[in-house]
Amino acid sequence: MNNLTVFTKDNCIQCKMTKRFLEARGIAFEEKNVSTNPEYVDYLKAQGFQSVPVVEGANIDSIAGFRPDALQQLA
């Protein structure tokens, strides 16, 4: 299984839905919150992202936004 990282922020419905989707399927991930760690904002901007959630992992294309179709392929 990939080591997944989910970039989130506080009070983000799409972020909550993404985390809930992954948890319901037993997919482990590390959460990195841009609200409590603003240095992640610069990292995401450098990668071309302007919003969260962003899901990254080894050997997968990054997933921006709540995308159940793409997330399902991680299960």
N, C-alpha and C. Protein backbone atom coordinates (compact mmCIF):
# COMPACT_ATOMS: atom_id res chain seq x y z
N MET A 1 0.84 -1.19 0.00
CA MET A 1 0.00 0.00 0.00
C MET A 1 0.88 1.25 0.00
N ASN A 2 0.41 2.27 -0.67
CA ASN A 2 1.13 3.53 -0.74
C ASN A 2 1.12 4.23 0.62
N ASN A 3 2.17 4.99 0.88
CA ASN A 3 2.15 5.87 2.04
C ASN A 3 1.48 7.15 1.59
N LEU A 4 0.22 7.32 1.97
CA LEU A 4 -0.55 8.47 1.51
C LEU A 4 -0.44 9.63 2.47
N THR A 5 -0.42 10.82 1.90
CA THR A 5 -0.48 12.06 2.65
C THR A 5 -1.69 12.82 2.17
N VAL A 6 -2.50 13.31 3.12
CA VAL A 6 -3.67 14.11 2.79
C VAL A 6 -3.46 15.50 3.38
N PHE A 7 -3.35 16.49 2.51
CA PHE A 7 -3.24 17.87 2.94
C PHE A 7 -4.65 18.42 3.14
N THR A 8 -4.91 19.00 4.32
CA THR A 8 -6.24 19.47 4.68
C THR A 8 -6.14 20.86 5.30
N LYS A 9 -7.32 21.43 5.61
CA LYS A 9 -7.37 22.65 6.42
C LYS A 9 -8.61 22.55 7.31
N ASP A 10 -8.64 23.37 8.33
CA ASP A 10 -9.76 23.37 9.26
C ASP A 10 -11.04 23.80 8.56
N ASN A 11 -12.17 23.25 8.99
CA ASN A 11 -13.50 23.62 8.49
C ASN A 11 -13.65 23.43 6.99
N CYS A 12 -13.05 22.39 6.45
CA CYS A 12 -13.11 22.09 5.02
C CYS A 12 -13.95 20.83 4.82
N ILE A 13 -15.13 21.00 4.24
CA ILE A 13 -16.04 19.87 4.05
C ILE A 13 -15.42 18.81 3.13
N GLN A 14 -14.81 19.23 2.03
CA GLN A 14 -14.21 18.27 1.11
C GLN A 14 -13.07 17.50 1.78
N CYS A 15 -12.34 18.18 2.66
CA CYS A 15 -11.26 17.51 3.40
C CYS A 15 -11.84 16.43 4.31
N LYS A 16 -12.91 16.78 5.04
CA LYS A 16 -13.55 15.82 5.94
C LYS A 16 -14.10 14.63 5.16
N MET A 17 -14.70 14.90 4.01
CA MET A 17 -15.25 13.82 3.20
C MET A 17 -14.15 12.91 2.68
N THR A 18 -13.03 13.48 2.28
CA THR A 18 -11.90 12.69 1.79
C THR A 18 -11.36 11.79 2.89
N LYS A 19 -11.14 12.34 4.08
CA LYS A 19 -10.63 11.55 5.20
C LYS A 19 -11.63 10.45 5.58
N ARG A 20 -12.90 10.78 5.63
CA ARG A 20 -13.93 9.80 5.98
C ARG A 20 -13.98 8.67 4.96
N PHE A 21 -13.85 9.02 3.67
CA PHE A 21 -13.86 8.03 2.60
C PHE A 21 -12.70 7.05 2.78
N LEU A 22 -11.50 7.57 3.01
CA LEU A 22 -10.32 6.72 3.17
C LEU A 22 -10.43 5.86 4.42
N GLU A 23 -10.86 6.45 5.53
CA GLU A 23 -10.99 5.70 6.78
C GLU A 23 -12.01 4.58 6.66
N ALA A 24 -13.12 4.83 5.97
CA ALA A 24 -14.16 3.82 5.82
C ALA A 24 -13.68 2.61 5.04
N ARG A 25 -12.65 2.81 4.21
CA ARG A 25 -12.11 1.72 3.40
C ARG A 25 -10.81 1.16 3.97
N GLY A 26 -10.44 1.61 5.14
CA GLY A 26 -9.25 1.09 5.80
C GLY A 26 -7.95 1.51 5.13
N ILE A 27 -7.98 2.66 4.46
CA ILE A 27 -6.78 3.15 3.77
C ILE A 27 -6.05 4.10 4.71
N ALA A 28 -4.84 3.72 5.08
CA ALA A 28 -4.05 4.53 6.02
C ALA A 28 -3.50 5.77 5.31
N PHE A 29 -3.44 6.87 6.06
CA PHE A 29 -2.88 8.10 5.52
C PHE A 29 -2.34 8.96 6.65
N GLU A 30 -1.46 9.87 6.29
CA GLU A 30 -0.95 10.87 7.22
C GLU A 30 -1.61 12.19 6.85
N GLU A 31 -2.17 12.87 7.83
CA GLU A 31 -2.81 14.16 7.57
C GLU A 31 -1.83 15.29 7.85
N LYS A 32 -1.77 16.25 6.93
CA LYS A 32 -0.97 17.45 7.12
C LYS A 32 -1.91 18.64 6.95
N ASN A 33 -2.13 19.36 8.04
CA ASN A 33 -3.10 20.44 8.08
C ASN A 33 -2.42 21.77 7.81
N VAL A 34 -2.85 22.47 6.75
CA VAL A 34 -2.24 23.75 6.39
C VAL A 34 -2.65 24.86 7.34
N SER A 35 -3.74 24.67 8.10
CA SER A 35 -4.17 25.68 9.06
C SER A 35 -3.21 25.75 10.25
N THR A 36 -2.73 24.60 10.67
CA THR A 36 -1.81 24.56 11.81
C THR A 36 -0.35 24.54 11.39
N ASN A 37 -0.09 24.25 10.11
CA ASN A 37 1.28 24.20 9.58
C ASN A 37 1.33 24.96 8.26
N PRO A 38 1.36 26.30 8.31
CA PRO A 38 1.28 27.09 7.08
C PRO A 38 2.41 26.85 6.07
N GLU A 39 3.49 26.23 6.51
CA GLU A 39 4.58 25.95 5.58
C GLU A 39 4.15 24.99 4.47
N TYR A 40 3.11 24.20 4.73
CA TYR A 40 2.60 23.30 3.70
C TYR A 40 1.94 24.05 2.55
N VAL A 41 1.48 25.27 2.80
CA VAL A 41 0.85 26.07 1.74
C VAL A 41 1.87 26.33 0.63
N ASP A 42 3.07 26.72 1.01
CA ASP A 42 4.12 26.98 0.01
C ASP A 42 4.45 25.73 -0.78
N TYR A 43 4.52 24.59 -0.09
CA TYR A 43 4.80 23.32 -0.77
C TYR A 43 3.72 23.02 -1.80
N LEU A 44 2.45 23.16 -1.41
CA LEU A 44 1.34 22.85 -2.33
C LEU A 44 1.33 23.82 -3.50
N LYS A 45 1.57 25.09 -3.25
CA LYS A 45 1.62 26.08 -4.34
C LYS A 45 2.74 25.74 -5.32
N ALA A 46 3.88 25.30 -4.79
CA ALA A 46 5.00 24.93 -5.66
C ALA A 46 4.65 23.72 -6.53
N GLN A 47 3.76 22.86 -6.04
CA GLN A 47 3.31 21.70 -6.80
C GLN A 47 2.19 22.04 -7.77
N GLY A 48 1.70 23.30 -7.72
CA GLY A 48 0.66 23.73 -8.65
C GLY A 48 -0.75 23.65 -8.10
N PHE A 49 -0.89 23.38 -6.80
CA PHE A 49 -2.23 23.29 -6.19
C PHE A 49 -2.61 24.61 -5.55
N GLN A 50 -3.91 24.93 -5.64
CA GLN A 50 -4.39 26.18 -5.07
C GLN A 50 -5.43 25.95 -3.98
N SER A 51 -5.82 24.70 -3.78
CA SER A 51 -6.81 24.39 -2.74
C SER A 51 -6.56 22.99 -2.19
N VAL A 52 -7.22 22.70 -1.09
CA VAL A 52 -7.14 21.38 -0.47
C VAL A 52 -8.53 20.77 -0.50
N PRO A 53 -8.69 19.51 -0.37
CA PRO A 53 -7.67 18.52 -0.02
C PRO A 53 -6.82 18.13 -1.22
N VAL A 54 -5.61 17.70 -0.91
CA VAL A 54 -4.71 17.12 -1.91
C VAL A 54 -4.20 15.80 -1.32
N VAL A 55 -4.34 14.74 -2.09
CA VAL A 55 -3.86 13.42 -1.67
C VAL A 55 -2.64 13.08 -2.52
N GLU A 56 -1.54 12.78 -1.85
CA GLU A 56 -0.30 12.40 -2.54
C GLU A 56 0.14 11.03 -2.03
N GLY A 57 0.84 10.32 -2.90
CA GLY A 57 1.40 9.03 -2.51
C GLY A 57 2.39 8.57 -3.55
N ALA A 58 3.18 7.58 -3.17
CA ALA A 58 4.16 7.02 -4.09
C ALA A 58 3.44 6.29 -5.22
N ASN A 59 3.88 6.49 -6.42
CA ASN A 59 3.37 5.80 -7.60
C ASN A 59 1.91 6.09 -7.93
N ILE A 60 1.40 7.24 -7.48
CA ILE A 60 0.04 7.65 -7.87
C ILE A 60 0.09 9.11 -8.31
N ASP A 61 -0.84 9.48 -9.18
CA ASP A 61 -1.00 10.89 -9.51
C ASP A 61 -1.70 11.56 -8.34
N SER A 62 -1.29 12.76 -8.01
CA SER A 62 -1.91 13.48 -6.91
C SER A 62 -3.38 13.72 -7.22
N ILE A 63 -4.20 13.70 -6.19
CA ILE A 63 -5.64 13.87 -6.32
C ILE A 63 -6.01 15.16 -5.60
N ALA A 64 -6.61 16.10 -6.32
CA ALA A 64 -7.03 17.37 -5.73
C ALA A 64 -8.55 17.37 -5.61
N GLY A 65 -9.03 17.83 -4.45
CA GLY A 65 -10.46 17.87 -4.21
C GLY A 65 -10.98 16.52 -3.76
N PHE A 66 -12.28 16.47 -3.45
CA PHE A 66 -12.90 15.20 -3.06
C PHE A 66 -13.29 14.47 -4.33
N ARG A 67 -12.54 13.41 -4.63
CA ARG A 67 -12.72 12.64 -5.87
C ARG A 67 -12.92 11.17 -5.53
N PRO A 68 -14.15 10.77 -5.17
CA PRO A 68 -14.36 9.36 -4.80
C PRO A 68 -13.97 8.38 -5.88
N ASP A 69 -14.14 8.78 -7.15
CA ASP A 69 -13.76 7.89 -8.25
C ASP A 69 -12.27 7.59 -8.23
N ALA A 70 -11.45 8.61 -8.02
CA ALA A 70 -9.99 8.40 -7.97
C ALA A 70 -9.57 7.76 -6.66
N LEU A 71 -10.20 8.14 -5.56
CA LEU A 71 -9.86 7.56 -4.26
C LEU A 71 -10.16 6.08 -4.20
N GLN A 72 -11.23 5.67 -4.85
CA GLN A 72 -11.63 4.25 -4.85
C GLN A 72 -10.53 3.37 -5.43
N GLN A 73 -9.76 3.89 -6.36
CA GLN A 73 -8.70 3.11 -6.98
C GLN A 73 -7.54 2.85 -6.03
N LEU A 74 -7.50 3.56 -4.90
CA LEU A 74 -6.45 3.35 -3.92
C LEU A 74 -6.74 2.17 -3.01
N ALA A 75 -8.00 1.73 -2.99
CA ALA A 75 -8.39 0.65 -2.06
C ALA A 75 -7.83 -0.69 -2.51
